[in-house]
Amino acid sequence: PKQDGVLATASQDGTVRIFNFADGQGGADGKPQVILQGHTARAFNITYHPVCPDLVASGSDDKTVRIWNCNARFTGTREIRTLVGHTNNVRGLLWHSELPFVLFSGSWDSTIRVWDVATGRCLHVCYEHHADVYGLAIHPHRP
């Protein structure tokens, strides 16, 4: 995240929790500032958006990726979008470093999906991995 002292956790109970240890409004007392609920199985991973500090994506054993508004002052619906398409647990998540609405996800279904988060549409599915996908990375100079 762009803010110092902010920590996000993915949990066995399917929640994503946001702690802020820097401002004393959550974290220092052990309580999260925000609890994001929506996954129906274990939330396994999280990634902050590289440009929009209030957006976080989470992947889950419910086979979905969810996009959230994690700003503690926000009072509306926190779940912005649910991305559906994987047929097994979602493990790898990565925001594109130059295209702000593009998110990559990897799964135990051996696929890598490229998502347009603004519309929720899957732009491409890569089937050539042939094994569980646990992590994703983009070269910083050649995205």
C-alpha atoms as a PDB file:
ATOM      1  CA  PRO A   1       0.000   0.000   0.000  1.00  0.00           C
ATOM      2  CA  LYS A   2       0.958   3.628  -0.327  1.00  0.00           C
ATOM      3  CA  GLN A   3       0.415   4.196   3.404  1.00  0.00           C
ATOM      4  CA  ASP A   4       2.998   3.273   5.997  1.00  0.00           C
ATOM      5  CA  GLY A   5       1.869   0.915   8.718  1.00  0.00           C
ATOM      6  CA  VAL A   6      -1.050  -0.650   6.816  1.00  0.00           C
ATOM      7  CA  LEU A   7      -1.300  -4.427   6.840  1.00  0.00           C
ATOM      8  CA  ALA A   8      -3.864  -6.665   5.123  1.00  0.00           C
ATOM      9  CA  THR A   9      -4.429 -10.297   6.060  1.00  0.00           C
ATOM     10  CA  ALA A  10      -6.339 -13.122   4.376  1.00  0.00           C
ATOM     11  CA  SER A  11      -7.967 -15.559   6.754  1.00  0.00           C
ATOM     12  CA  GLN A  12      -9.200 -19.121   7.111  1.00  0.00           C
ATOM     13  CA  ASP A  13     -12.702 -17.768   7.805  1.00  0.00           C
ATOM     14  CA  GLY A  14     -12.826 -16.106   4.364  1.00  0.00           C
ATOM     15  CA  THR A  15     -12.376 -12.556   5.594  1.00  0.00           C
ATOM     16  CA  VAL A  16      -9.782  -9.973   4.677  1.00  0.00           C
ATOM     17  CA  ARG A  17      -8.750  -7.706   7.521  1.00  0.00           C
ATOM     18  CA  ILE A  18      -7.068  -4.313   7.208  1.00  0.00           C
ATOM     19  CA  PHE A  19      -4.956  -3.059  10.117  1.00  0.00           C
ATOM     20  CA  ASN A  20      -3.402   0.377  10.459  1.00  0.00           C
ATOM     21  CA  PHE A  21      -0.563   0.386  12.944  1.00  0.00           C
ATOM     22  CA  ALA A  22       0.592   3.910  12.068  1.00  0.00           C
ATOM     23  CA  ASP A  23      -2.392   6.052  13.072  1.00  0.00           C
ATOM     24  CA  GLY A  24      -3.498   4.271  16.240  1.00  0.00           C
ATOM     25  CA  GLN A  25      -7.026   3.731  14.851  1.00  0.00           C
ATOM     26  CA  GLY A  26      -6.705   0.009  14.453  1.00  0.00           C
ATOM     27  CA  GLY A  27      -3.877  -2.371  14.846  1.00  0.00           C
ATOM     28  CA  ALA A  28      -2.182  -0.972  17.907  1.00  0.00           C
ATOM     29  CA  ASP A  29      -5.024  -2.398  19.985  1.00  0.00           C
ATOM     30  CA  GLY A  30      -5.028  -5.587  17.904  1.00  0.00           C
ATOM     31  CA  LYS A  31      -8.332  -4.799  16.178  1.00  0.00           C
ATOM     32  CA  PRO A  32      -8.700  -4.326  12.421  1.00  0.00           C
ATOM     33  CA  GLN A  33      -9.906  -1.037  10.971  1.00  0.00           C
ATOM     34  CA  VAL A  34     -11.850  -2.849   8.258  1.00  0.00           C
ATOM     35  CA  ILE A  35     -13.152  -6.410   7.871  1.00  0.00           C
ATOM     36  CA  LEU A  36     -14.043  -7.406   4.316  1.00  0.00           C
ATOM     37  CA  GLN A  37     -16.582 -10.232   4.127  1.00  0.00           C
ATOM     38  CA  GLY A  38     -17.809 -12.029   1.043  1.00  0.00           C
ATOM     39  CA  HIS A  39     -15.676 -15.071   0.318  1.00  0.00           C
ATOM     40  CA  THR A  40     -17.423 -18.343   1.108  1.00  0.00           C
ATOM     41  CA  ALA A  41     -14.188 -20.266   1.765  1.00  0.00           C
ATOM     42  CA  ARG A  42     -10.659 -19.514   2.977  1.00  0.00           C
ATOM     43  CA  ALA A  43      -9.228 -16.232   1.668  1.00  0.00           C
ATOM     44  CA  PHE A  44      -5.710 -17.165   0.693  1.00  0.00           C
ATOM     45  CA  ASN A  45      -4.025 -14.106  -0.764  1.00  0.00           C
ATOM     46  CA  ILE A  46      -4.321 -10.359  -1.178  1.00  0.00           C
ATOM     47  CA  THR A  47      -2.695  -7.686  -3.272  1.00  0.00           C
ATOM     48  CA  TYR A  48      -2.986  -3.925  -3.052  1.00  0.00           C
ATOM     49  CA  HIS A  49      -3.528  -1.936  -6.223  1.00  0.00           C
ATOM     50  CA  PRO A  50      -0.248  -0.233  -7.233  1.00  0.00           C
ATOM     51  CA  VAL A  51      -1.891   3.147  -7.945  1.00  0.00           C
ATOM     52  CA  CYS A  52      -5.222   3.228  -6.088  1.00  0.00           C
ATOM     53  CA  PRO A  53      -4.397   2.792  -2.383  1.00  0.00           C
ATOM     54  CA  ASP A  54      -8.010   2.021  -1.439  1.00  0.00           C
ATOM     55  CA  LEU A  55      -8.322  -1.017  -3.730  1.00  0.00           C
ATOM     56  CA  VAL A  56      -7.334  -4.527  -2.781  1.00  0.00           C
ATOM     57  CA  ALA A  57      -7.901  -7.827  -4.578  1.00  0.00           C
ATOM     58  CA  SER A  58      -8.291 -11.127  -2.725  1.00  0.00           C
ATOM     59  CA  GLY A  59      -8.239 -14.712  -3.968  1.00  0.00           C
ATOM     60  CA  SER A  60      -9.973 -17.600  -2.290  1.00  0.00           C
ATOM     61  CA  ASP A  61     -10.649 -21.301  -2.129  1.00  0.00           C
ATOM     62  CA  ASP A  62     -14.198 -20.367  -3.238  1.00  0.00           C
ATOM     63  CA  LYS A  63     -12.620 -20.038  -6.741  1.00  0.00           C
ATOM     64  CA  THR A  64     -13.265 -16.288  -6.946  1.00  0.00           C
ATOM     65  CA  VAL A  65     -11.277 -13.093  -6.938  1.00  0.00           C
ATOM     66  CA  ARG A  66     -12.900 -10.171  -5.183  1.00  0.00           C
ATOM     67  CA  ILE A  67     -12.104  -6.490  -5.545  1.00  0.00           C
ATOM     68  CA  TRP A  68     -12.672  -4.364  -2.448  1.00  0.00           C
ATOM     69  CA  ASN A  69     -12.672  -0.770  -1.285  1.00  0.00           C
ATOM     70  CA  CYS A  70     -10.625  -0.946   1.911  1.00  0.00           C
ATOM     71  CA  ASN A  71     -10.714   2.749   2.878  1.00  0.00           C
ATOM     72  CA  ALA A  72     -11.672   2.883   6.560  1.00  0.00           C
ATOM     73  CA  ARG A  73     -13.753   6.047   6.005  1.00  0.00           C
ATOM     74  CA  PHE A  74     -15.798   4.528   3.161  1.00  0.00           C
ATOM     75  CA  THR A  75     -19.365   3.713   4.210  1.00  0.00           C
ATOM     76  CA  GLY A  76     -20.799   2.104   1.058  1.00  0.00           C
ATOM     77  CA  THR A  77     -20.677  -1.465  -0.214  1.00  0.00           C
ATOM     78  CA  ARG A  78     -17.067  -2.567   0.089  1.00  0.00           C
ATOM     79  CA  GLU A  79     -17.157  -5.373  -2.457  1.00  0.00           C
ATOM     80  CA  ILE A  80     -16.741  -3.705  -5.839  1.00  0.00           C
ATOM     81  CA  ARG A  81     -16.574  -6.763  -8.056  1.00  0.00           C
ATOM     82  CA  THR A  82     -16.466 -10.569  -7.952  1.00  0.00           C
ATOM     83  CA  LEU A  83     -14.443 -12.199 -10.722  1.00  0.00           C
ATOM     84  CA  VAL A  84     -15.721 -15.681 -11.528  1.00  0.00           C
ATOM     85  CA  GLY A  85     -14.117 -18.154 -13.908  1.00  0.00           C
ATOM     86  CA  HIS A  86     -11.554 -20.299 -12.125  1.00  0.00           C
ATOM     87  CA  THR A  87     -12.588 -23.873 -11.392  1.00  0.00           C
ATOM     88  CA  ASN A  88     -10.294 -24.388  -8.394  1.00  0.00           C
ATOM     89  CA  ASN A  89      -8.603 -22.437  -5.573  1.00  0.00           C
ATOM     90  CA  VAL A  90      -7.177 -19.028  -6.533  1.00  0.00           C
ATOM     91  CA  ARG A  91      -3.583 -18.559  -5.393  1.00  0.00           C
ATOM     92  CA  GLY A  92      -1.662 -16.021  -7.488  1.00  0.00           C
ATOM     93  CA  LEU A  93      -2.754 -12.387  -7.849  1.00  0.00           C
ATOM     94  CA  LEU A  94      -0.993  -9.518  -9.584  1.00  0.00           C
ATOM     95  CA  TRP A  95      -2.083  -6.065 -10.709  1.00  0.00           C
ATOM     96  CA  HIS A  96      -0.616  -4.912 -14.015  1.00  0.00           C
ATOM     97  CA  SER A  97       1.938  -2.185 -13.336  1.00  0.00           C
ATOM     98  CA  GLU A  98       0.863   0.052 -16.241  1.00  0.00           C
ATOM     99  CA  LEU A  99      -2.751  -0.843 -17.022  1.00  0.00           C
ATOM    100  CA  PRO A 100      -4.725   0.090 -13.891  1.00  0.00           C
ATOM    101  CA  PHE A 101      -7.812  -2.029 -14.609  1.00  0.00           C
ATOM    102  CA  VAL A 102      -5.925  -5.228 -15.463  1.00  0.00           C
ATOM    103  CA  LEU A 103      -5.475  -7.979 -12.886  1.00  0.00           C
ATOM    104  CA  PHE A 104      -3.881 -11.409 -13.352  1.00  0.00           C
ATOM    105  CA  SER A 105      -4.975 -14.426 -11.334  1.00  0.00           C
ATOM    106  CA  GLY A 106      -3.530 -17.923 -11.101  1.00  0.00           C
ATOM    107  CA  SER A 107      -5.261 -21.011  -9.814  1.00  0.00           C
ATOM    108  CA  TRP A 108      -4.973 -24.665  -8.950  1.00  0.00           C
ATOM    109  CA  ASP A 109      -7.009 -25.196 -12.132  1.00  0.00           C
ATOM    110  CA  SER A 110      -3.669 -24.658 -13.960  1.00  0.00           C
ATOM    111  CA  THR A 111      -4.833 -21.460 -15.636  1.00  0.00           C
ATOM    112  CA  ILE A 112      -3.788 -17.850 -15.559  1.00  0.00           C
ATOM    113  CA  ARG A 113      -6.584 -15.388 -16.206  1.00  0.00           C
ATOM    114  CA  VAL A 114      -6.324 -11.773 -17.314  1.00  0.00           C
ATOM    115  CA  TRP A 115      -9.213  -9.664 -16.019  1.00  0.00           C
ATOM    116  CA  ASP A 116     -10.657  -6.271 -16.861  1.00  0.00           C
ATOM    117  CA  VAL A 117     -11.612  -5.312 -13.332  1.00  0.00           C
ATOM    118  CA  ALA A 118     -13.671  -2.319 -14.492  1.00  0.00           C
ATOM    119  CA  THR A 119     -16.128  -4.597 -16.304  1.00  0.00           C
ATOM    120  CA  GLY A 120     -15.481  -7.920 -14.536  1.00  0.00           C
ATOM    121  CA  ARG A 121     -14.751  -9.557 -17.888  1.00  0.00           C
ATOM    122  CA  CYS A 122     -12.071 -12.173 -18.365  1.00  0.00           C
ATOM    123  CA  LEU A 123      -9.912 -10.942 -21.255  1.00  0.00           C
ATOM    124  CA  HIS A 124      -7.771 -14.033 -21.718  1.00  0.00           C
ATOM    125  CA  VAL A 125      -7.179 -17.478 -20.253  1.00  0.00           C
ATOM    126  CA  CYS A 126      -3.726 -19.053 -20.467  1.00  0.00           C
ATOM    127  CA  TYR A 127      -4.022 -22.854 -20.424  1.00  0.00           C
ATOM    128  CA  GLU A 128      -0.348 -23.601 -21.055  1.00  0.00           C
ATOM    129  CA  HIS A 129       0.799 -23.748 -17.427  1.00  0.00           C
ATOM    130  CA  HIS A 130      -0.061 -27.458 -16.874  1.00  0.00           C
ATOM    131  CA  ALA A 131       0.233 -27.249 -13.078  1.00  0.00           C
ATOM    132  CA  ASP A 132      -1.078 -25.337 -10.063  1.00  0.00           C
ATOM    133  CA  VAL A 133      -0.299 -21.611 -10.243  1.00  0.00           C
ATOM    134  CA  TYR A 134       0.888 -20.206  -6.920  1.00  0.00           C
ATOM    135  CA  GLY A 135       2.542 -16.913  -7.828  1.00  0.00           C
ATOM    136  CA  LEU A 136       2.730 -14.312 -10.572  1.00  0.00           C
ATOM    137  CA  ALA A 137       5.224 -11.528 -11.284  1.00  0.00           C
ATOM    138  CA  ILE A 138       5.812  -8.968 -14.030  1.00  0.00           C
ATOM    139  CA  HIS A 139       9.266  -7.746 -14.945  1.00  0.00           C
ATOM    140  CA  PRO A 140       9.480  -4.144 -13.708  1.00  0.00           C
ATOM    141  CA  HIS A 141      11.031  -2.827 -16.941  1.00  0.00           C
ATOM    142  CA  ARG A 142       9.080  -4.924 -19.444  1.00  0.00           C
ATOM    143  CA  PRO A 143       5.476  -5.238 -18.289  1.00  0.00           C
END
